[in-house]
Amino acid sequence: MFELSHLRCFTTVATELNFRRAAERLNMTQPPLSRQIQLLEHHLGVELFTRNTRNVALTAAGRAFFIEAQNLLERAQQAAVTARRFAQGDIGSVNIGFVGSAVYEFLPKVIAETRITQPHVRIDLSEMNTYQQHEALRARRIDLGIARAPLLEPGYATECLVREPFVLAVPNTHPLADAKTVSVKDLDGQPFLMYSHAAYPPFNELLTGMLRSARVAPDYVQWLGSSLTILALVNAAMGLALVPRCATSVVFKNVVFRDIDLGEGVQSELHLIWRENNDNPAFAMLLEGIRHAVREGWGGG
């Protein structure tokens, strides 16, 4: 089978229609160039040129092959460029799993930044709870997770991205909406909307554990799977709720947010999780872009 070097020799001779000038362009002498053309003709089983002491001309087969040879060389060059760009992370795709609350502020800003720095990288987003992301990483369905809990297993990396306090979401008709200060004790006996253990175990365990330690017993009226759903029900005056501060970006007409001291260590966390052996260059570039976004102050500090 012929090689790319044969095609380069052929297209140069076909362009110049002169072996001496073609050899000069290729920085070689005429005899090796003639041998390359003869080898190519042997591989193809056709004559590409008619030659005499004064003229070189393409045969009908040579004219047809010239078009295809140019296309092959262009495709080979494009393939090399594509390989280099992929290795540098300039093109490719990254699959990201994320918890719903990440879209309130943090994730849209990261995506917007990525569109500028990596415009040819496709980002595929899948909303998943934390444990679904853990399973998706194990199955290699996603490159990166933005989750509420780390994946503390060999072969996986975890980086805490954001720590922020919880705030109390209160219907605007509730007495606590106008109170000067709000404490955990004020939640005792109140109708309360809580993250379900099935859908949001990190928040469920953290918040219910904090309330038990404080000997506060709210009246749990609903166990729910997302901050957005919780806030919609607070807006309908069905109860109070503790939500991450980033959720205050979602505007509901009848919801008031109040600061509340829940004690040391009771914070909302957002973690990046990924496989340590991920060799996707576009992923590596995106990961650094996310870190840069955090350094610039996105995501709540």
Protein backbone atom coordinates (compact mmCIF):
# COMPACT_ATOMS: atom_id res chain seq x y z
CA MET A 1 0.00 0.00 0.00
CA PHE A 2 1.23 3.49 -0.75
CA GLU A 3 2.29 5.93 1.96
CA LEU A 4 1.70 9.64 2.56
CA SER A 5 5.26 10.32 1.36
CA HIS A 6 4.32 8.82 -2.03
CA LEU A 7 1.31 11.11 -2.21
CA ARG A 8 3.38 14.19 -1.40
CA CYS A 9 5.84 13.31 -4.15
CA PHE A 10 3.05 12.66 -6.62
CA THR A 11 1.09 15.85 -5.93
CA THR A 12 4.26 17.96 -6.13
CA VAL A 13 5.19 16.47 -9.53
CA ALA A 14 1.58 16.80 -10.69
CA THR A 15 1.60 20.48 -9.71
CA GLU A 16 4.98 21.31 -11.26
CA LEU A 17 4.83 18.86 -14.20
CA ASN A 18 8.60 18.91 -13.95
CA PHE A 19 10.70 16.40 -11.97
CA ARG A 20 13.62 18.78 -11.40
CA ARG A 21 11.48 21.56 -9.93
CA ALA A 22 9.45 19.06 -7.92
CA ALA A 23 12.64 17.55 -6.47
CA GLU A 24 13.86 21.01 -5.47
CA ARG A 25 10.57 21.74 -3.69
CA LEU A 26 10.83 18.45 -1.83
CA ASN A 27 14.53 18.96 -0.97
CA MET A 28 15.58 15.75 -2.69
CA THR A 29 17.27 14.70 -5.91
CA GLN A 30 15.48 13.52 -9.04
CA PRO A 31 16.38 9.77 -8.95
CA PRO A 32 14.77 9.10 -5.52
CA LEU A 33 11.75 11.16 -6.58
CA SER A 34 11.38 9.10 -9.76
CA ARG A 35 11.60 5.89 -7.71
CA GLN A 36 8.81 7.14 -5.40
CA ILE A 37 6.54 7.80 -8.36
CA GLN A 38 7.36 4.39 -9.88
CA LEU A 39 6.57 2.68 -6.57
CA LEU A 40 3.24 4.51 -6.35
CA GLU A 41 2.35 3.52 -9.92
CA HIS A 42 3.30 -0.08 -9.11
CA HIS A 43 1.06 -0.09 -6.01
CA LEU A 44 -1.84 1.39 -7.95
CA GLY A 45 -1.30 -0.67 -11.08
CA VAL A 46 -1.73 2.36 -13.36
CA GLU A 47 0.44 4.95 -15.05
CA LEU A 48 0.02 8.40 -13.56
CA PHE A 49 2.27 10.35 -15.92
CA THR A 50 3.32 10.28 -19.53
CA ARG A 51 6.98 11.22 -19.81
CA ASN A 52 9.42 12.05 -22.55
CA THR A 53 12.68 13.98 -22.60
CA ARG A 54 10.85 17.29 -22.87
CA ASN A 55 7.42 16.96 -21.23
CA VAL A 56 5.64 15.46 -18.23
CA ALA A 57 1.84 15.19 -18.31
CA LEU A 58 -0.82 13.55 -16.19
CA THR A 59 -2.69 10.61 -17.63
CA ALA A 60 -6.48 10.41 -17.26
CA ALA A 61 -5.92 8.12 -14.25
CA GLY A 62 -3.35 10.57 -12.92
CA ARG A 63 -5.78 13.47 -13.13
CA ALA A 64 -8.43 11.50 -11.21
CA PHE A 65 -5.92 10.36 -8.62
CA PHE A 66 -4.56 13.92 -8.19
CA ILE A 67 -7.92 15.08 -6.80
CA GLU A 68 -8.15 12.15 -4.38
CA ALA A 69 -4.51 12.46 -3.34
CA GLN A 70 -4.99 16.12 -2.43
CA ASN A 71 -8.05 15.20 -0.36
CA LEU A 72 -6.14 12.44 1.43
CA LEU A 73 -3.26 14.76 2.29
CA GLU A 74 -5.64 17.43 3.58
CA ARG A 75 -7.48 14.87 5.70
CA ALA A 76 -4.18 13.55 7.08
CA GLN A 77 -3.13 17.08 7.98
CA GLN A 78 -6.50 17.77 9.62
CA ALA A 79 -6.25 14.49 11.55
CA ALA A 80 -2.86 15.53 12.92
CA VAL A 81 -4.20 18.95 13.93
CA THR A 82 -7.22 17.33 15.57
CA ALA A 83 -5.03 14.91 17.52
CA ARG A 84 -2.83 17.76 18.78
CA ARG A 85 -5.83 19.89 19.76
CA PHE A 86 -7.48 16.95 21.51
CA ALA A 87 -4.26 16.26 23.44
CA GLN A 88 -4.14 19.91 24.49
CA GLY A 89 -7.78 19.86 25.64
CA ASP A 90 -8.93 22.37 23.01
CA ILE A 91 -11.57 20.00 21.62
CA GLY A 92 -13.45 16.98 22.90
CA SER A 93 -16.30 16.44 25.35
CA VAL A 94 -16.75 16.27 29.11
CA ASN A 95 -19.65 14.60 30.94
CA ILE A 96 -20.60 16.30 34.21
CA GLY A 97 -23.00 15.10 36.87
CA PHE A 98 -24.31 17.74 39.25
CA VAL A 99 -26.69 18.26 42.14
CA GLY A 100 -29.57 20.57 41.34
CA SER A 101 -28.50 23.39 43.64
CA ALA A 102 -25.23 23.75 41.69
CA VAL A 103 -27.17 25.39 38.86
CA TYR A 104 -28.37 28.29 41.02
CA GLU A 105 -25.16 30.23 40.62
CA PHE A 106 -21.98 28.22 40.39
CA LEU A 107 -22.42 25.90 37.40
CA PRO A 108 -23.84 28.47 34.93
CA LYS A 109 -20.85 30.74 35.53
CA VAL A 110 -18.39 27.89 35.03
CA ILE A 111 -20.12 26.88 31.79
CA ALA A 112 -20.07 30.47 30.54
CA GLU A 113 -16.35 30.72 31.28
CA THR A 114 -15.68 27.40 29.54
CA ARG A 115 -17.46 28.57 26.40
CA ILE A 116 -14.89 31.35 26.19
CA THR A 117 -11.74 29.38 27.10
CA GLN A 118 -12.71 26.05 25.45
CA PRO A 119 -15.26 26.95 22.77
CA HIS A 120 -14.90 23.62 20.93
CA VAL A 121 -15.34 21.42 24.00
CA ARG A 122 -18.83 19.97 24.35
CA ILE A 123 -20.17 19.73 27.90
CA ASP A 124 -22.90 17.18 28.58
CA LEU A 125 -24.77 17.81 31.85
CA SER A 126 -26.75 15.28 33.88
CA GLU A 127 -28.61 16.23 37.05
CA MET A 128 -28.05 13.53 39.67
CA ASN A 129 -28.07 13.28 43.42
CA THR A 130 -24.76 12.65 45.16
CA TYR A 131 -24.98 8.87 45.35
CA GLN A 132 -26.08 8.61 41.72
CA GLN A 133 -22.94 10.56 40.80
CA HIS A 134 -20.80 8.13 42.78
CA GLU A 135 -22.29 5.24 40.82
CA ALA A 136 -21.93 7.07 37.49
CA LEU A 137 -18.23 7.68 38.18
CA ARG A 138 -17.67 4.03 39.02
CA ALA A 139 -19.40 3.07 35.76
CA ARG A 140 -17.43 5.73 33.81
CA ARG A 141 -20.61 7.41 32.62
CA ILE A 142 -19.40 10.84 33.78
CA ASP A 143 -15.98 12.49 33.93
CA LEU A 144 -16.75 14.80 36.82
CA GLY A 145 -19.24 15.00 39.65
CA ILE A 146 -20.35 18.12 41.50
CA ALA A 147 -21.75 16.51 44.62
CA ARG A 148 -22.66 17.15 48.24
CA ALA A 149 -20.41 14.43 49.63
CA PRO A 150 -16.92 13.19 48.69
CA LEU A 151 -16.18 9.77 47.20
CA LEU A 152 -13.66 8.37 49.65
CA GLU A 153 -12.51 5.30 47.77
CA PRO A 154 -9.12 4.31 46.28
CA GLY A 155 -8.74 5.54 42.71
CA TYR A 156 -10.96 8.61 43.12
CA ALA A 157 -10.06 12.21 43.86
CA THR A 158 -12.18 14.62 45.85
CA GLU A 159 -11.81 18.36 46.26
CA CYS A 160 -14.03 20.53 48.42
CA LEU A 161 -15.17 23.29 46.12
CA VAL A 162 -17.49 25.45 48.19
CA ARG A 163 -18.46 25.77 51.87
CA GLU A 164 -21.34 28.02 52.75
CA PRO A 165 -23.85 28.37 55.59
CA PHE A 166 -27.44 27.28 55.60
CA VAL A 167 -30.12 29.95 55.85
CA LEU A 168 -33.70 29.68 57.07
CA ALA A 169 -36.40 30.00 54.40
CA VAL A 170 -39.60 31.41 55.95
CA PRO A 171 -43.02 32.23 54.47
CA ASN A 172 -43.43 36.01 54.57
CA THR A 173 -46.60 35.61 56.65
CA HIS A 174 -44.81 33.66 59.40
CA PRO A 175 -43.86 35.50 62.65
CA LEU A 176 -40.18 34.57 62.19
CA ALA A 177 -40.11 36.55 58.93
CA ASP A 178 -40.06 39.78 61.00
CA ALA A 179 -38.17 38.56 64.08
CA LYS A 180 -35.00 40.52 64.95
CA THR A 181 -32.98 37.32 65.37
CA VAL A 182 -33.64 33.67 64.70
CA SER A 183 -32.12 30.73 66.60
CA VAL A 184 -32.33 26.96 66.29
CA LYS A 185 -34.63 26.86 69.33
CA ASP A 186 -37.19 28.87 67.36
CA LEU A 187 -37.64 25.86 65.06
CA ASP A 188 -39.03 23.62 67.81
CA GLY A 189 -42.55 22.50 66.94
CA GLN A 190 -42.63 24.48 63.71
CA PRO A 191 -43.96 22.92 60.48
CA PHE A 192 -40.80 21.94 58.67
CA LEU A 193 -39.74 20.84 55.18
CA MET A 194 -36.68 18.55 55.19
CA TYR A 195 -34.45 16.94 52.58
CA SER A 196 -35.29 13.26 52.23
CA HIS A 197 -32.68 10.67 53.12
CA ALA A 198 -33.27 8.77 49.89
CA ALA A 199 -32.64 11.74 47.60
CA TYR A 200 -30.33 13.95 49.67
CA PRO A 201 -28.62 11.90 52.40
CA PRO A 202 -25.77 14.37 53.14
CA PHE A 203 -28.16 17.22 54.01
CA ASN A 204 -30.67 14.95 55.72
CA GLU A 205 -28.09 13.45 58.04
CA LEU A 206 -26.36 16.75 58.76
CA LEU A 207 -29.50 18.79 59.52
CA THR A 208 -31.53 16.18 61.39
CA GLY A 209 -28.45 15.34 63.44
CA MET A 210 -27.92 19.00 64.30
CA LEU A 211 -31.55 19.40 65.37
CA ARG A 212 -31.44 16.27 67.55
CA SER A 213 -28.23 17.50 69.21
CA ALA A 214 -29.92 20.84 69.93
CA ARG A 215 -32.96 18.95 71.32
CA VAL A 216 -35.17 20.71 68.84
CA ALA A 217 -38.08 18.77 67.35
CA PRO A 218 -39.71 20.46 64.36
CA ASP A 219 -42.94 19.09 62.94
CA TYR A 220 -41.68 17.46 59.73
CA VAL A 221 -44.50 17.83 57.22
CA GLN A 222 -42.68 16.81 54.02
CA TRP A 223 -39.44 15.03 53.07
CA LEU A 224 -38.27 16.33 49.69
CA GLY A 225 -35.54 15.80 47.12
CA SER A 226 -34.48 19.27 45.99
CA SER A 227 -34.01 22.80 47.26
CA LEU A 228 -36.22 24.15 44.48
CA THR A 229 -39.16 21.96 45.52
CA ILE A 230 -38.63 22.87 49.16
CA LEU A 231 -38.66 26.59 48.39
CA ALA A 232 -41.80 26.21 46.29
CA LEU A 233 -43.58 24.71 49.30
CA VAL A 234 -42.20 27.39 51.64
CA ASN A 235 -43.64 29.88 49.16
CA ALA A 236 -47.00 28.11 49.62
CA ALA A 237 -46.68 28.58 53.42
CA MET A 238 -46.44 24.83 54.07
CA GLY A 239 -43.52 25.20 56.45
CA LEU A 240 -40.00 26.47 57.18
CA ALA A 241 -36.81 25.02 55.74
CA LEU A 242 -33.03 25.18 55.96
CA VAL A 243 -31.40 25.57 52.54
CA PRO A 244 -27.88 26.42 51.34
CA ARG A 245 -27.20 30.13 50.95
CA CYS A 246 -26.80 29.70 47.18
CA ALA A 247 -30.53 28.90 47.05
CA THR A 248 -31.29 32.54 47.83
CA SER A 249 -30.56 33.17 44.14
CA VAL A 250 -33.97 31.61 43.42
CA VAL A 251 -36.63 34.27 43.86
CA PHE A 252 -40.04 33.34 45.28
CA LYS A 253 -42.49 36.15 46.00
CA ASN A 254 -43.55 34.87 49.42
CA VAL A 255 -40.20 33.56 50.77
CA VAL A 256 -37.97 35.44 53.21
CA PHE A 257 -34.44 34.24 54.02
CA ARG A 258 -33.08 34.69 57.53
CA ASP A 259 -29.57 34.09 58.86
CA ILE A 260 -29.39 31.46 61.59
CA ASP A 261 -26.50 30.10 63.67
CA LEU A 262 -26.56 26.30 63.41
CA GLY A 263 -23.32 25.73 65.25
CA GLU A 264 -19.77 24.97 64.18
CA GLY A 265 -19.34 22.67 61.21
CA VAL A 266 -22.95 22.73 60.05
CA GLN A 267 -22.33 23.97 56.52
CA SER A 268 -23.35 23.15 53.01
CA GLU A 269 -20.47 21.70 51.01
CA LEU A 270 -20.02 21.17 47.30
CA HIS A 271 -17.36 18.66 46.23
CA LEU A 272 -15.68 17.90 42.92
CA ILE A 273 -15.20 14.16 42.46
CA TRP A 274 -13.44 12.36 39.60
CA ARG A 275 -11.45 9.25 38.69
CA GLU A 276 -7.73 9.70 39.25
CA ASN A 277 -6.91 7.85 36.02
CA ASN A 278 -9.13 10.04 33.82
CA ASP A 279 -6.98 10.76 30.75
CA ASN A 280 -9.43 13.04 28.95
CA PRO A 281 -7.40 16.23 28.23
CA ALA A 282 -10.57 18.34 27.88
CA PHE A 283 -11.57 17.22 31.37
CA ALA A 284 -8.19 18.30 32.79
CA MET A 285 -8.61 21.74 31.23
CA LEU A 286 -12.17 22.06 32.53
CA LEU A 287 -11.12 21.03 36.03
CA GLU A 288 -8.51 23.77 36.09
CA GLY A 289 -11.13 26.22 34.80
CA ILE A 290 -13.44 25.33 37.68
CA ARG A 291 -10.64 25.85 40.17
CA HIS A 292 -9.93 29.23 38.61
CA ALA A 293 -13.61 30.14 38.93
CA VAL A 294 -13.51 29.35 42.64
CA ARG A 295 -10.35 31.41 43.11
CA GLU A 296 -12.15 34.31 41.45
CA GLY A 297 -14.86 34.07 44.08
CA TRP A 298 -17.63 32.18 42.31
CA GLY A 299 -19.78 29.74 44.16
CA GLY A 300 -20.17 31.43 47.52
CA GLY A 301 -16.74 31.13 49.18
